[in-house]
């Protein structure tokens, strides 16, 4: 950008009636989200690790929790799944 820095403060249309303080807190704890992800996957493999990312979705004005679960299957291969709650 012509050797200049730019700060983008806002993208899209502003909703003047939106107040994030009225949205509340996320409903799932980290442990609940991890358990729910394993149940949703339905695998009977060993869980190697789980990572959680939380964010606020401006499209439906809700908190989201993305859980990535890494499994080790019976042959020793690793694979990952992702669930969003």
C-alpha atoms as a PDB file:
ATOM      1  CA  UNK A   1       0.000   0.000   0.000  1.00  0.00           C
ATOM      2  CA  UNK A   2       2.595   2.538  -1.152  1.00  0.00           C
ATOM      3  CA  UNK A   3       4.856   1.855   1.848  1.00  0.00           C
ATOM      4  CA  UNK A   4       2.162   3.053   4.242  1.00  0.00           C
ATOM      5  CA  UNK A   5       0.290   1.202   6.933  1.00  0.00           C
ATOM      6  CA  UNK A   6      -3.483   1.220   7.056  1.00  0.00           C
ATOM      7  CA  UNK A   7      -5.764   0.351   9.937  1.00  0.00           C
ATOM      8  CA  UNK A   8      -9.144  -1.088   8.998  1.00  0.00           C
ATOM      9  CA  UNK A   9     -11.524  -0.309  11.803  1.00  0.00           C
ATOM     10  CA  UNK A  10     -14.826  -1.442  10.351  1.00  0.00           C
ATOM     11  CA  UNK A  11     -16.103  -3.619   7.506  1.00  0.00           C
ATOM     12  CA  UNK A  12     -19.775  -3.885   6.535  1.00  0.00           C
ATOM     13  CA  UNK A  13     -22.818  -2.089   7.811  1.00  0.00           C
ATOM     14  CA  UNK A  14     -22.971  -0.872  11.370  1.00  0.00           C
ATOM     15  CA  UNK A  15     -25.909  -1.983  13.474  1.00  0.00           C
ATOM     16  CA  UNK A  16     -26.561   0.901  15.872  1.00  0.00           C
ATOM     17  CA  UNK A  17     -28.883  -1.275  18.004  1.00  0.00           C
ATOM     18  CA  UNK A  18     -26.267  -3.987  18.638  1.00  0.00           C
ATOM     19  CA  UNK A  19     -24.744  -4.129  22.118  1.00  0.00           C
ATOM     20  CA  UNK A  20     -22.366  -7.032  22.752  1.00  0.00           C
ATOM     21  CA  UNK A  21     -22.977  -6.668  26.496  1.00  0.00           C
ATOM     22  CA  UNK A  22     -26.557  -7.852  25.965  1.00  0.00           C
ATOM     23  CA  UNK A  23     -25.467 -11.048  24.193  1.00  0.00           C
ATOM     24  CA  UNK A  24     -24.347 -12.771  27.382  1.00  0.00           C
ATOM     25  CA  UNK A  25     -21.537 -15.223  27.892  1.00  0.00           C
ATOM     26  CA  UNK A  26     -20.627 -18.365  25.929  1.00  0.00           C
ATOM     27  CA  UNK A  27     -22.781 -21.294  27.056  1.00  0.00           C
ATOM     28  CA  UNK A  28     -20.218 -24.113  26.784  1.00  0.00           C
ATOM     29  CA  UNK A  29     -17.167 -24.501  28.991  1.00  0.00           C
ATOM     30  CA  UNK A  30     -13.979 -25.786  27.355  1.00  0.00           C
ATOM     31  CA  UNK A  31     -14.453 -29.240  28.881  1.00  0.00           C
ATOM     32  CA  UNK A  32     -18.089 -29.435  27.761  1.00  0.00           C
ATOM     33  CA  UNK A  33     -17.117 -28.399  24.233  1.00  0.00           C
ATOM     34  CA  UNK A  34     -14.357 -31.036  24.081  1.00  0.00           C
ATOM     35  CA  UNK A  35     -16.711 -33.767  25.298  1.00  0.00           C
ATOM     36  CA  UNK A  36     -19.443 -32.682  22.889  1.00  0.00           C
ATOM     37  CA  UNK A  37     -16.981 -32.767  19.959  1.00  0.00           C
ATOM     38  CA  UNK A  38     -15.905 -36.333  20.763  1.00  0.00           C
ATOM     39  CA  UNK A  39     -19.548 -37.408  21.038  1.00  0.00           C
ATOM     40  CA  UNK A  40     -20.418 -35.696  17.738  1.00  0.00           C
ATOM     41  CA  UNK A  41     -17.544 -37.444  15.944  1.00  0.00           C
ATOM     42  CA  UNK A  42     -18.615 -40.861  17.201  1.00  0.00           C
ATOM     43  CA  UNK A  43     -15.165 -42.440  16.903  1.00  0.00           C
ATOM     44  CA  UNK A  44     -13.773 -45.012  19.317  1.00  0.00           C
ATOM     45  CA  UNK A  45     -10.144 -43.972  18.796  1.00  0.00           C
ATOM     46  CA  UNK A  46      -7.614 -42.496  21.197  1.00  0.00           C
ATOM     47  CA  UNK A  47      -7.735 -38.692  21.387  1.00  0.00           C
ATOM     48  CA  UNK A  48      -4.245 -37.242  20.920  1.00  0.00           C
ATOM     49  CA  UNK A  49      -5.139 -33.597  21.511  1.00  0.00           C
ATOM     50  CA  UNK A  50      -7.916 -31.034  21.274  1.00  0.00           C
ATOM     51  CA  UNK A  51      -7.711 -27.321  20.492  1.00  0.00           C
ATOM     52  CA  UNK A  52     -10.431 -24.744  21.023  1.00  0.00           C
ATOM     53  CA  UNK A  53     -10.967 -21.413  19.317  1.00  0.00           C
ATOM     54  CA  UNK A  54     -13.738 -19.102  20.409  1.00  0.00           C
ATOM     55  CA  UNK A  55     -15.144 -16.201  18.436  1.00  0.00           C
ATOM     56  CA  UNK A  56     -18.228 -14.062  18.087  1.00  0.00           C
ATOM     57  CA  UNK A  57     -20.200 -14.600  14.866  1.00  0.00           C
ATOM     58  CA  UNK A  58     -21.623 -11.289  13.692  1.00  0.00           C
ATOM     59  CA  UNK A  59     -23.930 -13.015  11.185  1.00  0.00           C
ATOM     60  CA  UNK A  60     -26.152 -14.611  13.810  1.00  0.00           C
ATOM     61  CA  UNK A  61     -24.893 -12.624  16.830  1.00  0.00           C
ATOM     62  CA  UNK A  62     -23.813 -15.672  18.839  1.00  0.00           C
ATOM     63  CA  UNK A  63     -20.635 -16.967  20.391  1.00  0.00           C
ATOM     64  CA  UNK A  64     -19.072 -19.895  18.533  1.00  0.00           C
ATOM     65  CA  UNK A  65     -16.715 -22.519  19.807  1.00  0.00           C
ATOM     66  CA  UNK A  66     -14.660 -24.472  17.264  1.00  0.00           C
ATOM     67  CA  UNK A  67     -13.118 -27.675  18.591  1.00  0.00           C
ATOM     68  CA  UNK A  68     -10.411 -29.438  16.610  1.00  0.00           C
ATOM     69  CA  UNK A  69      -9.841 -33.015  17.769  1.00  0.00           C
ATOM     70  CA  UNK A  70      -6.810 -35.061  16.711  1.00  0.00           C
ATOM     71  CA  UNK A  71      -7.300 -38.825  16.865  1.00  0.00           C
ATOM     72  CA  UNK A  72      -4.955 -41.801  16.531  1.00  0.00           C
ATOM     73  CA  UNK A  73      -6.653 -44.679  14.723  1.00  0.00           C
ATOM     74  CA  UNK A  74      -5.962 -48.395  15.201  1.00  0.00           C
ATOM     75  CA  UNK A  75      -3.148 -48.366  12.614  1.00  0.00           C
ATOM     76  CA  UNK A  76      -1.367 -45.472  14.361  1.00  0.00           C
ATOM     77  CA  UNK A  77      -2.375 -42.851  11.798  1.00  0.00           C
ATOM     78  CA  UNK A  78      -3.384 -39.373  12.932  1.00  0.00           C
ATOM     79  CA  UNK A  79      -6.423 -37.507  11.645  1.00  0.00           C
ATOM     80  CA  UNK A  80      -8.326 -34.448  12.784  1.00  0.00           C
ATOM     81  CA  UNK A  81     -11.943 -33.353  12.887  1.00  0.00           C
ATOM     82  CA  UNK A  82     -13.489 -29.947  13.463  1.00  0.00           C
ATOM     83  CA  UNK A  83     -16.818 -29.170  15.117  1.00  0.00           C
ATOM     84  CA  UNK A  84     -18.423 -25.779  15.653  1.00  0.00           C
ATOM     85  CA  UNK A  85     -20.908 -25.266  18.462  1.00  0.00           C
END
